[in-house]
């Protein structure tokens, strides 16, 4: 890999370290994101079609309402919310 491409790849990995991207689909989703010390990074709606990017201190604890309409990308990887979903389309998960 040429030096320029290697530097770009490293920059992308560094930029995404600890970053959460939340993208709402066709419907609004309610999201609470707490960082390691328990403080809230976000507590509110992500409107349909909007994207929200957050960074803080992992691990993060998330509670997502209307979870089937939200895409969660953590450190560049899309998270599968299905195993974390409960009744009423609510997901609870921790990202480390």
PDB file of N, CA and C in Angstrom:
ATOM      1  N   UNK A   1       0.861  -1.176   0.000  1.00  0.00           N
ATOM      2  CA  UNK A   1       0.000   0.000   0.000  1.00  0.00           C
ATOM      3  C   UNK A   1       0.901   1.230   0.000  1.00  0.00           C
ATOM      4  N   UNK A   2       0.645   2.173  -0.900  1.00  0.00           N
ATOM      5  CA  UNK A   2       1.440   3.402  -0.922  1.00  0.00           C
ATOM      6  C   UNK A   2       1.309   4.168   0.390  1.00  0.00           C
ATOM      7  N   UNK A   3       2.342   4.928   0.717  1.00  0.00           N
ATOM      8  CA  UNK A   3       2.400   5.649   1.997  1.00  0.00           C
ATOM      9  C   UNK A   3       1.181   6.547   2.204  1.00  0.00           C
ATOM     10  N   UNK A   4       0.716   7.235   1.172  1.00  0.00           N
ATOM     11  CA  UNK A   4      -0.436   8.124   1.289  1.00  0.00           C
ATOM     12  C   UNK A   4      -1.704   7.380   1.662  1.00  0.00           C
ATOM     13  N   UNK A   5      -1.899   6.200   1.062  1.00  0.00           N
ATOM     14  CA  UNK A   5      -3.078   5.397   1.370  1.00  0.00           C
ATOM     15  C   UNK A   5      -3.007   4.850   2.785  1.00  0.00           C
ATOM     16  N   UNK A   6      -1.814   4.432   3.205  1.00  0.00           N
ATOM     17  CA  UNK A   6      -1.649   3.913   4.563  1.00  0.00           C
ATOM     18  C   UNK A   6      -1.946   5.002   5.586  1.00  0.00           C
ATOM     19  N   UNK A   7      -1.478   6.222   5.332  1.00  0.00           N
ATOM     20  CA  UNK A   7      -1.736   7.339   6.244  1.00  0.00           C
ATOM     21  C   UNK A   7      -3.225   7.652   6.291  1.00  0.00           C
ATOM     22  N   UNK A   8      -3.911   7.599   5.149  1.00  0.00           N
ATOM     23  CA  UNK A   8      -5.347   7.863   5.110  1.00  0.00           C
ATOM     24  C   UNK A   8      -6.119   6.803   5.886  1.00  0.00           C
ATOM     25  N   UNK A   9      -5.726   5.546   5.727  1.00  0.00           N
ATOM     26  CA  UNK A   9      -6.395   4.464   6.448  1.00  0.00           C
ATOM     27  C   UNK A   9      -6.189   4.630   7.957  1.00  0.00           C
ATOM     28  N   UNK A  10      -4.976   4.982   8.367  1.00  0.00           N
ATOM     29  CA  UNK A  10      -4.694   5.188   9.787  1.00  0.00           C
ATOM     30  C   UNK A  10      -5.503   6.360  10.325  1.00  0.00           C
ATOM     31  N   UNK A  11      -5.606   7.438   9.573  1.00  0.00           N
ATOM     32  CA  UNK A  11      -6.377   8.611   9.994  1.00  0.00           C
ATOM     33  C   UNK A  11      -7.838   8.233  10.164  1.00  0.00           C
ATOM     34  N   UNK A  12      -8.394   7.440   9.252  1.00  0.00           N
ATOM     35  CA  UNK A  12      -9.789   7.018   9.339  1.00  0.00           C
ATOM     36  C   UNK A  12     -10.017   6.179  10.594  1.00  0.00           C
ATOM     37  N   UNK A  13      -9.081   5.258  10.907  1.00  0.00           N
ATOM     38  CA  UNK A  13      -9.228   4.445  12.108  1.00  0.00           C
ATOM     39  C   UNK A  13      -9.145   5.309  13.359  1.00  0.00           C
ATOM     40  N   UNK A  14      -8.212   6.255  13.387  1.00  0.00           N
ATOM     41  CA  UNK A  14      -8.063   7.128  14.542  1.00  0.00           C
ATOM     42  C   UNK A  14      -9.295   8.002  14.709  1.00  0.00           C
ATOM     43  N   UNK A  15      -9.808   8.544  13.619  1.00  0.00           N
ATOM     44  CA  UNK A  15     -10.972   9.427  13.675  1.00  0.00           C
ATOM     45  C   UNK A  15     -12.195   8.685  14.184  1.00  0.00           C
ATOM     46  N   UNK A  16     -12.315   7.383  13.879  1.00  0.00           N
ATOM     47  CA  UNK A  16     -13.497   6.649  14.289  1.00  0.00           C
ATOM     48  C   UNK A  16     -13.354   6.037  15.685  1.00  0.00           C
ATOM     49  N   UNK A  17     -12.188   6.114  16.309  1.00  0.00           N
ATOM     50  CA  UNK A  17     -11.967   5.529  17.630  1.00  0.00           C
ATOM     51  C   UNK A  17     -12.924   6.155  18.635  1.00  0.00           C
ATOM     52  N   UNK A  18     -13.797   5.349  19.224  1.00  0.00           N
ATOM     53  CA  UNK A  18     -14.741   5.824  20.219  1.00  0.00           C
ATOM     54  C   UNK A  18     -15.924   6.597  19.674  1.00  0.00           C
ATOM     55  N   UNK A  19     -16.075   6.668  18.353  1.00  0.00           N
ATOM     56  CA  UNK A  19     -17.151   7.452  17.745  1.00  0.00           C
ATOM     57  C   UNK A  19     -18.376   6.585  17.462  1.00  0.00           C
ATOM     58  N   UNK A  20     -19.524   7.126  17.803  1.00  0.00           N
ATOM     59  CA  UNK A  20     -20.809   6.478  17.519  1.00  0.00           C
ATOM     60  C   UNK A  20     -21.546   7.350  16.503  1.00  0.00           C
ATOM     61  N   UNK A  21     -22.043   6.728  15.438  1.00  0.00           N
ATOM     62  CA  UNK A  21     -22.866   7.439  14.466  1.00  0.00           C
ATOM     63  C   UNK A  21     -24.258   6.815  14.499  1.00  0.00           C
ATOM     64  N   UNK A  22     -25.257   7.644  14.709  1.00  0.00           N
ATOM     65  CA  UNK A  22     -26.646   7.201  14.766  1.00  0.00           C
ATOM     66  C   UNK A  22     -27.380   7.783  13.572  1.00  0.00           C
ATOM     67  N   UNK A  23     -27.972   6.926  12.772  1.00  0.00           N
ATOM     68  CA  UNK A  23     -28.691   7.400  11.584  1.00  0.00           C
ATOM     69  C   UNK A  23     -30.118   6.864  11.618  1.00  0.00           C
ATOM     70  N   UNK A  24     -31.067   7.789  11.689  1.00  0.00           N
ATOM     71  CA  UNK A  24     -32.477   7.393  11.717  1.00  0.00           C
ATOM     72  C   UNK A  24     -32.958   7.120  10.308  1.00  0.00           C
ATOM     73  N   UNK A  25     -33.785   6.105  10.180  1.00  0.00           N
ATOM     74  CA  UNK A  25     -34.350   5.742   8.888  1.00  0.00           C
ATOM     75  C   UNK A  25     -35.621   6.516   8.609  1.00  0.00           C
ATOM     76  N   UNK A  26     -36.692   5.789   8.318  1.00  0.00           N
ATOM     77  CA  UNK A  26     -37.956   6.394   7.904  1.00  0.00           C
ATOM     78  C   UNK A  26     -38.740   7.018   9.056  1.00  0.00           C
ATOM     79  N   UNK A  27     -38.393   6.660  10.289  1.00  0.00           N
ATOM     80  CA  UNK A  27     -39.108   7.190  11.452  1.00  0.00           C
ATOM     81  C   UNK A  27     -38.120   7.698  12.494  1.00  0.00           C
ATOM     82  N   UNK A  28     -38.589   8.609  13.346  1.00  0.00           N
ATOM     83  CA  UNK A  28     -37.770   9.114  14.443  1.00  0.00           C
ATOM     84  C   UNK A  28     -37.447   7.979  15.417  1.00  0.00           C
ATOM     85  N   UNK A  29     -36.295   8.095  16.075  1.00  0.00           N
ATOM     86  CA  UNK A  29     -35.921   7.173  17.145  1.00  0.00           C
ATOM     87  C   UNK A  29     -35.516   7.990  18.367  1.00  0.00           C
ATOM     88  N   UNK A  30     -35.904   7.507  19.530  1.00  0.00           N
ATOM     89  CA  UNK A  30     -35.495   8.141  20.773  1.00  0.00           C
ATOM     90  C   UNK A  30     -34.236   7.429  21.246  1.00  0.00           C
ATOM     91  N   UNK A  31     -33.214   8.195  21.621  1.00  0.00           N
ATOM     92  CA  UNK A  31     -31.929   7.593  21.972  1.00  0.00           C
ATOM     93  C   UNK A  31     -31.361   8.228  23.241  1.00  0.00           C
ATOM     94  N   UNK A  32     -30.892   7.364  24.133  1.00  0.00           N
ATOM     95  CA  UNK A  32     -30.120   7.806  25.294  1.00  0.00           C
ATOM     96  C   UNK A  32     -28.758   7.130  25.189  1.00  0.00           C
ATOM     97  N   UNK A  33     -27.694   7.943  25.219  1.00  0.00           N
ATOM     98  CA  UNK A  33     -26.329   7.414  25.177  1.00  0.00           C
ATOM     99  C   UNK A  33     -25.600   7.941  26.406  1.00  0.00           C
ATOM    100  N   UNK A  34     -25.074   7.028  27.210  1.00  0.00           N
ATOM    101  CA  UNK A  34     -24.298   7.398  28.394  1.00  0.00           C
ATOM    102  C   UNK A  34     -22.872   6.890  28.231  1.00  0.00           C
ATOM    103  N   UNK A  35     -21.911   7.721  28.645  1.00  0.00           N
ATOM    104  CA  UNK A  35     -20.509   7.301  28.548  1.00  0.00           C
ATOM    105  C   UNK A  35     -20.071   6.649  29.847  1.00  0.00           C
ATOM    106  N   UNK A  36     -18.785   6.281  29.950  1.00  0.00           N
ATOM    107  CA  UNK A  36     -18.249   5.475  31.039  1.00  0.00           C
ATOM    108  C   UNK A  36     -18.608   5.992  32.425  1.00  0.00           C
ATOM    109  N   UNK A  37     -18.573   7.300  32.635  1.00  0.00           N
ATOM    110  CA  UNK A  37     -18.850   7.850  33.961  1.00  0.00           C
ATOM    111  C   UNK A  37     -20.341   8.029  34.237  1.00  0.00           C
ATOM    112  N   UNK A  38     -21.195   7.601  33.300  1.00  0.00           N
ATOM    113  CA  UNK A  38     -22.632   7.684  33.485  1.00  0.00           C
ATOM    114  C   UNK A  38     -23.262   8.967  32.981  1.00  0.00           C
ATOM    115  N   UNK A  39     -22.439   9.922  32.553  1.00  0.00           N
ATOM    116  CA  UNK A  39     -23.002  11.173  32.051  1.00  0.00           C
ATOM    117  C   UNK A  39     -23.609  10.964  30.669  1.00  0.00           C
ATOM    118  N   UNK A  40     -24.669  11.726  30.383  1.00  0.00           N
ATOM    119  CA  UNK A  40     -25.391  11.590  29.118  1.00  0.00           C
ATOM    120  C   UNK A  40     -24.682  12.343  28.003  1.00  0.00           C
ATOM    121  N   UNK A  41     -24.394  11.635  26.901  1.00  0.00           N
ATOM    122  CA  UNK A  41     -23.891  12.285  25.686  1.00  0.00           C
ATOM    123  C   UNK A  41     -25.060  12.785  24.851  1.00  0.00           C
ATOM    124  N   UNK A  42     -26.145  12.030  24.882  1.00  0.00           N
ATOM    125  CA  UNK A  42     -27.345  12.421  24.135  1.00  0.00           C
ATOM    126  C   UNK A  42     -28.543  11.799  24.828  1.00  0.00           C
ATOM    127  N   UNK A  43     -29.619  12.562  24.882  1.00  0.00           N
ATOM    128  CA  UNK A  43     -30.861  12.069  25.459  1.00  0.00           C
ATOM    129  C   UNK A  43     -31.994  12.780  24.726  1.00  0.00           C
ATOM    130  N   UNK A  44     -32.480  12.161  23.660  1.00  0.00           N
ATOM    131  CA  UNK A  44     -33.544  12.789  22.888  1.00  0.00           C
ATOM    132  C   UNK A  44     -33.762  12.100  21.556  1.00  0.00           C
ATOM    133  N   UNK A  45     -34.463  12.777  20.679  1.00  0.00           N
ATOM    134  CA  UNK A  45     -34.807  12.223  19.374  1.00  0.00           C
ATOM    135  C   UNK A  45     -33.672  12.348  18.369  1.00  0.00           C
ATOM    136  N   UNK A  46     -33.612  11.359  17.501  1.00  0.00           N
ATOM    137  CA  UNK A  46     -32.864  11.473  16.251  1.00  0.00           C
ATOM    138  C   UNK A  46     -33.967  11.418  15.210  1.00  0.00           C
ATOM    139  N   UNK A  47     -34.206  12.530  14.551  1.00  0.00           N
ATOM    140  CA  UNK A  47     -35.319  12.660  13.613  1.00  0.00           C
ATOM    141  C   UNK A  47     -35.087  11.829  12.353  1.00  0.00           C
ATOM    142  N   UNK A  48     -36.162  11.368  11.763  1.00  0.00           N
ATOM    143  CA  UNK A  48     -36.111  10.576  10.534  1.00  0.00           C
ATOM    144  C   UNK A  48     -35.212  11.247   9.504  1.00  0.00           C
ATOM    145  N   UNK A  49     -34.267  10.475   8.969  1.00  0.00           N
ATOM    146  CA  UNK A  49     -33.352  10.972   7.948  1.00  0.00           C
ATOM    147  C   UNK A  49     -32.118  11.685   8.490  1.00  0.00           C
ATOM    148  N   UNK A  50     -32.097  11.990   9.790  1.00  0.00           N
ATOM    149  CA  UNK A  50     -30.949  12.694  10.381  1.00  0.00           C
ATOM    150  C   UNK A  50     -29.866  11.729  10.840  1.00  0.00           C
ATOM    151  N   UNK A  51     -28.638  12.251  10.911  1.00  0.00           N
ATOM    152  CA  UNK A  51     -27.500  11.504  11.432  1.00  0.00           C
ATOM    153  C   UNK A  51     -26.889  12.311  12.567  1.00  0.00           C
ATOM    154  N   UNK A  52     -26.554  11.624  13.643  1.00  0.00           N
ATOM    155  CA  UNK A  52     -25.939  12.240  14.806  1.00  0.00           C
ATOM    156  C   UNK A  52     -24.641  11.507  15.087  1.00  0.00           C
ATOM    157  N   UNK A  53     -23.553  12.243  15.261  1.00  0.00           N
ATOM    158  CA  UNK A  53     -22.261  11.639  15.570  1.00  0.00           C
ATOM    159  C   UNK A  53     -21.839  12.081  16.961  1.00  0.00           C
ATOM    160  N   UNK A  54     -21.453  11.103  17.787  1.00  0.00           N
ATOM    161  CA  UNK A  54     -21.073  11.364  19.176  1.00  0.00           C
ATOM    162  C   UNK A  54     -19.733  10.726  19.478  1.00  0.00           C
ATOM    163  N   UNK A  55     -18.984  11.345  20.386  1.00  0.00           N
ATOM    164  CA  UNK A  55     -17.784  10.693  20.897  1.00  0.00           C
ATOM    165  C   UNK A  55     -17.584  11.124  22.333  1.00  0.00           C
ATOM    166  N   UNK A  56     -17.058  10.220  23.112  1.00  0.00           N
ATOM    167  CA  UNK A  56     -16.832  10.445  24.530  1.00  0.00           C
ATOM    168  C   UNK A  56     -15.908   9.357  25.052  1.00  0.00           C
ATOM    169  N   UNK A  57     -16.205   8.866  26.255  1.00  0.00           N
ATOM    170  CA  UNK A  57     -15.387   7.812  26.871  1.00  0.00           C
ATOM    171  C   UNK A  57     -16.166   6.511  26.940  1.00  0.00           C
ATOM    172  N   UNK A  58     -15.748   5.505  26.150  1.00  0.00           N
ATOM    173  CA  UNK A  58     -16.404   4.203  26.234  1.00  0.00           C
ATOM    174  C   UNK A  58     -16.020   3.513  27.553  1.00  0.00           C
ATOM    175  N   UNK A  59     -16.797   2.546  27.985  1.00  0.00           N
ATOM    176  CA  UNK A  59     -17.929   1.953  27.280  1.00  0.00           C
ATOM    177  C   UNK A  59     -19.148   2.863  27.328  1.00  0.00           C
ATOM    178  N   UNK A  60     -19.964   2.743  26.274  1.00  0.00           N
ATOM    179  CA  UNK A  60     -21.196   3.511  26.168  1.00  0.00           C
ATOM    180  C   UNK A  60     -22.370   2.585  26.464  1.00  0.00           C
ATOM    181  N   UNK A  61     -23.372   3.106  27.139  1.00  0.00           N
ATOM    182  CA  UNK A  61     -24.622   2.384  27.354  1.00  0.00           C
ATOM    183  C   UNK A  61     -25.716   3.103  26.563  1.00  0.00           C
ATOM    184  N   UNK A  62     -26.409   2.347  25.730  1.00  0.00           N
ATOM    185  CA  UNK A  62     -27.445   2.916  24.872  1.00  0.00           C
ATOM    186  C   UNK A  62     -28.802   2.305  25.184  1.00  0.00           C
ATOM    187  N   UNK A  63     -29.817   3.147  25.165  1.00  0.00           N
ATOM    188  CA  UNK A  63     -31.211   2.717  25.185  1.00  0.00           C
ATOM    189  C   UNK A  63     -31.834   3.390  23.974  1.00  0.00           C
ATOM    190  N   UNK A  64     -32.439   2.574  23.113  1.00  0.00           N
ATOM    191  CA  UNK A  64     -32.964   3.083  21.840  1.00  0.00           C
ATOM    192  C   UNK A  64     -34.426   2.697  21.707  1.00  0.00           C
ATOM    193  N   UNK A  65     -35.265   3.700  21.535  1.00  0.00           N
ATOM    194  CA  UNK A  65     -36.676   3.479  21.243  1.00  0.00           C
ATOM    195  C   UNK A  65     -36.901   3.573  19.747  1.00  0.00           C
ATOM    196  N   UNK A  66     -37.770   2.732  19.237  1.00  0.00           N
ATOM    197  CA  UNK A  66     -38.005   2.626  17.793  1.00  0.00           C
ATOM    198  C   UNK A  66     -36.719   2.148  17.112  1.00  0.00           C
ATOM    199  N   UNK A  67     -36.078   1.184  17.758  1.00  0.00           N
ATOM    200  CA  UNK A  67     -34.743   0.718  17.373  1.00  0.00           C
ATOM    201  C   UNK A  67     -34.668   0.155  15.955  1.00  0.00           C
ATOM    202  N   UNK A  68     -35.755  -0.403  15.461  1.00  0.00           N
ATOM    203  CA  UNK A  68     -35.705  -0.983  14.117  1.00  0.00           C
ATOM    204  C   UNK A  68     -35.544   0.079  13.035  1.00  0.00           C
ATOM    205  N   UNK A  69     -35.658   1.354  13.408  1.00  0.00           N
ATOM    206  CA  UNK A  69     -35.515   2.447  12.446  1.00  0.00           C
ATOM    207  C   UNK A  69     -34.225   3.239  12.650  1.00  0.00           C
ATOM    208  N   UNK A  70     -33.268   2.664  13.399  1.00  0.00           N
ATOM    209  CA  UNK A  70     -32.015   3.362  13.659  1.00  0.00           C
ATOM    210  C   UNK A  70     -30.834   2.479  13.292  1.00  0.00           C
ATOM    211  N   UNK A  71     -29.870   3.070  12.622  1.00  0.00           N
ATOM    212  CA  UNK A  71     -28.609   2.388  12.332  1.00  0.00           C
ATOM    213  C   UNK A  71     -27.575   2.934  13.305  1.00  0.00           C
ATOM    214  N   UNK A  72     -26.860   2.026  13.986  1.00  0.00           N
ATOM    215  CA  UNK A  72     -25.815   2.402  14.931  1.00  0.00           C
ATOM    216  C   UNK A  72     -24.485   1.911  14.374  1.00  0.00           C
ATOM    217  N   UNK A  73     -23.553   2.853  14.177  1.00  0.00           N
ATOM    218  CA  UNK A  73     -22.217   2.509  13.697  1.00  0.00           C
ATOM    219  C   UNK A  73     -21.246   2.927  14.792  1.00  0.00           C
ATOM    220  N   UNK A  74     -20.472   1.957  15.293  1.00  0.00           N
ATOM    221  CA  UNK A  74     -19.502   2.224  16.353  1.00  0.00           C
ATOM    222  C   UNK A  74     -18.108   1.886  15.843  1.00  0.00           C
ATOM    223  N   UNK A  75     -17.232   2.859  15.907  1.00  0.00           N
ATOM    224  CA  UNK A  75     -15.854   2.717  15.424  1.00  0.00           C
ATOM    225  C   UNK A  75     -15.819   2.130  14.015  1.00  0.00           C
ATOM    226  N   UNK A  76     -16.724   2.627  13.174  1.00  0.00           N
ATOM    227  CA  UNK A  76     -16.749   2.236  11.768  1.00  0.00           C
ATOM    228  C   UNK A  76     -17.477   0.938  11.463  1.00  0.00           C
ATOM    229  N   UNK A  77     -18.031   0.273  12.487  1.00  0.00           N
ATOM    230  CA  UNK A  77     -18.719  -1.002  12.266  1.00  0.00           C
ATOM    231  C   UNK A  77     -20.196  -0.883  12.624  1.00  0.00           C
ATOM    232  N   UNK A  78     -21.062  -1.304  11.701  1.00  0.00           N
ATOM    233  CA  UNK A  78     -22.500  -1.295  11.951  1.00  0.00           C
ATOM    234  C   UNK A  78     -22.830  -2.351  12.998  1.00  0.00           C
ATOM    235  N   UNK A  79     -23.609  -1.947  13.992  1.00  0.00           N
ATOM    236  CA  UNK A  79     -23.994  -2.840  15.081  1.00  0.00           C
ATOM    237  C   UNK A  79     -25.337  -3.492  14.782  1.00  0.00           C
ATOM    238  N   UNK A  80     -25.431  -4.787  15.040  1.00  0.00           N
ATOM    239  CA  UNK A  80     -26.691  -5.514  14.873  1.00  0.00           C
ATOM    240  C   UNK A  80     -27.514  -5.304  16.145  1.00  0.00           C
ATOM    241  N   UNK A  81     -28.618  -4.603  16.029  1.00  0.00           N
ATOM    242  CA  UNK A  81     -29.445  -4.311  17.199  1.00  0.00           C
ATOM    243  C   UNK A  81     -30.409  -5.441  17.541  1.00  0.00           C
ATOM    244  N   UNK A  82     -30.662  -6.342  16.610  1.00  0.00           N
ATOM    245  CA  UNK A  82     -31.653  -7.405  16.811  1.00  0.00           C
ATOM    246  C   UNK A  82     -31.436  -8.197  18.108  1.00  0.00           C
ATOM    247  N   UNK A  83     -30.212  -8.622  18.449  1.00  0.00           N
ATOM    248  CA  UNK A  83     -30.042  -9.400  19.684  1.00  0.00           C
ATOM    249  C   UNK A  83     -30.312  -8.582  20.961  1.00  0.00           C
ATOM    250  N   UNK A  84     -30.369  -7.271  20.827  1.00  0.00           N
ATOM    251  CA  UNK A  84     -30.537  -6.402  21.990  1.00  0.00           C
ATOM    252  C   UNK A  84     -31.954  -5.851  22.113  1.00  0.00           C
ATOM    253  N   UNK A  85     -32.813  -6.208  21.147  1.00  0.00           N
ATOM    254  CA  UNK A  85     -34.177  -5.663  21.126  1.00  0.00           C
ATOM    255  C   UNK A  85     -35.090  -6.467  22.036  1.00  0.00           C
ATOM    256  N   UNK A  86     -35.959  -5.723  22.696  1.00  0.00           N
ATOM    257  CA  UNK A  86     -36.952  -6.302  23.584  1.00  0.00           C
ATOM    258  C   UNK A  86     -38.339  -5.892  23.078  1.00  0.00           C
ATOM    259  N   UNK A  87     -39.312  -6.106  23.895  1.00  0.00           N
ATOM    260  CA  UNK A  87     -40.687  -5.722  23.556  1.00  0.00           C
ATOM    261  C   UNK A  87     -40.767  -4.234  23.239  1.00  0.00           C
ATOM    262  N   UNK A  88     -41.721  -3.858  22.466  1.00  0.00           N
ATOM    263  CA  UNK A  88     -41.988  -2.456  22.118  1.00  0.00           C
ATOM    264  C   UNK A  88     -40.889  -1.818  21.295  1.00  0.00           C
ATOM    265  N   UNK A  89     -40.067  -2.609  20.585  1.00  0.00           N
ATOM    266  CA  UNK A  89     -39.055  -2.069  19.670  1.00  0.00           C
ATOM    267  C   UNK A  89     -37.999  -1.239  20.410  1.00  0.00           C
ATOM    268  N   UNK A  90     -37.630  -1.657  21.624  1.00  0.00           N
ATOM    269  CA  UNK A  90     -36.616  -0.977  22.423  1.00  0.00           C
ATOM    270  C   UNK A  90     -35.373  -1.855  22.507  1.00  0.00           C
ATOM    271  N   UNK A  91     -34.210  -1.246  22.253  1.00  0.00           N
ATOM    272  CA  UNK A  91     -32.937  -1.971  22.349  1.00  0.00           C
ATOM    273  C   UNK A  91     -32.096  -1.360  23.470  1.00  0.00           C
ATOM    274  N   UNK A  92     -31.420  -2.228  24.204  1.00  0.00           N
ATOM    275  CA  UNK A  92     -30.476  -1.804  25.248  1.00  0.00           C
ATOM    276  C   UNK A  92     -29.178  -2.538  24.978  1.00  0.00           C
ATOM    277  N   UNK A  93     -28.078  -1.775  24.892  1.00  0.00           N
ATOM    278  CA  UNK A  93     -26.789  -2.405  24.637  1.00  0.00           C
ATOM    279  C   UNK A  93     -25.648  -1.568  25.175  1.00  0.00           C
ATOM    280  N   UNK A  94     -24.510  -2.232  25.276  1.00  0.00           N
ATOM    281  CA  UNK A  94     -23.283  -1.552  25.711  1.00  0.00           C
ATOM    282  C   UNK A  94     -22.256  -1.712  24.612  1.00  0.00           C
ATOM    283  N   UNK A  95     -21.581  -0.617  24.291  1.00  0.00           N
ATOM    284  CA  UNK A  95     -20.516  -0.625  23.290  1.00  0.00           C
ATOM    285  C   UNK A  95     -19.202  -0.376  24.005  1.00  0.00           C
ATOM    286  N   UNK A  96     -18.261  -1.303  23.866  1.00  0.00           N
ATOM    287  CA  UNK A  96     -16.977  -1.192  24.572  1.00  0.00           C
ATOM    288  C   UNK A  96     -15.879  -0.742  23.666  1.00  0.00           C
TER     289      UNK A  96
END
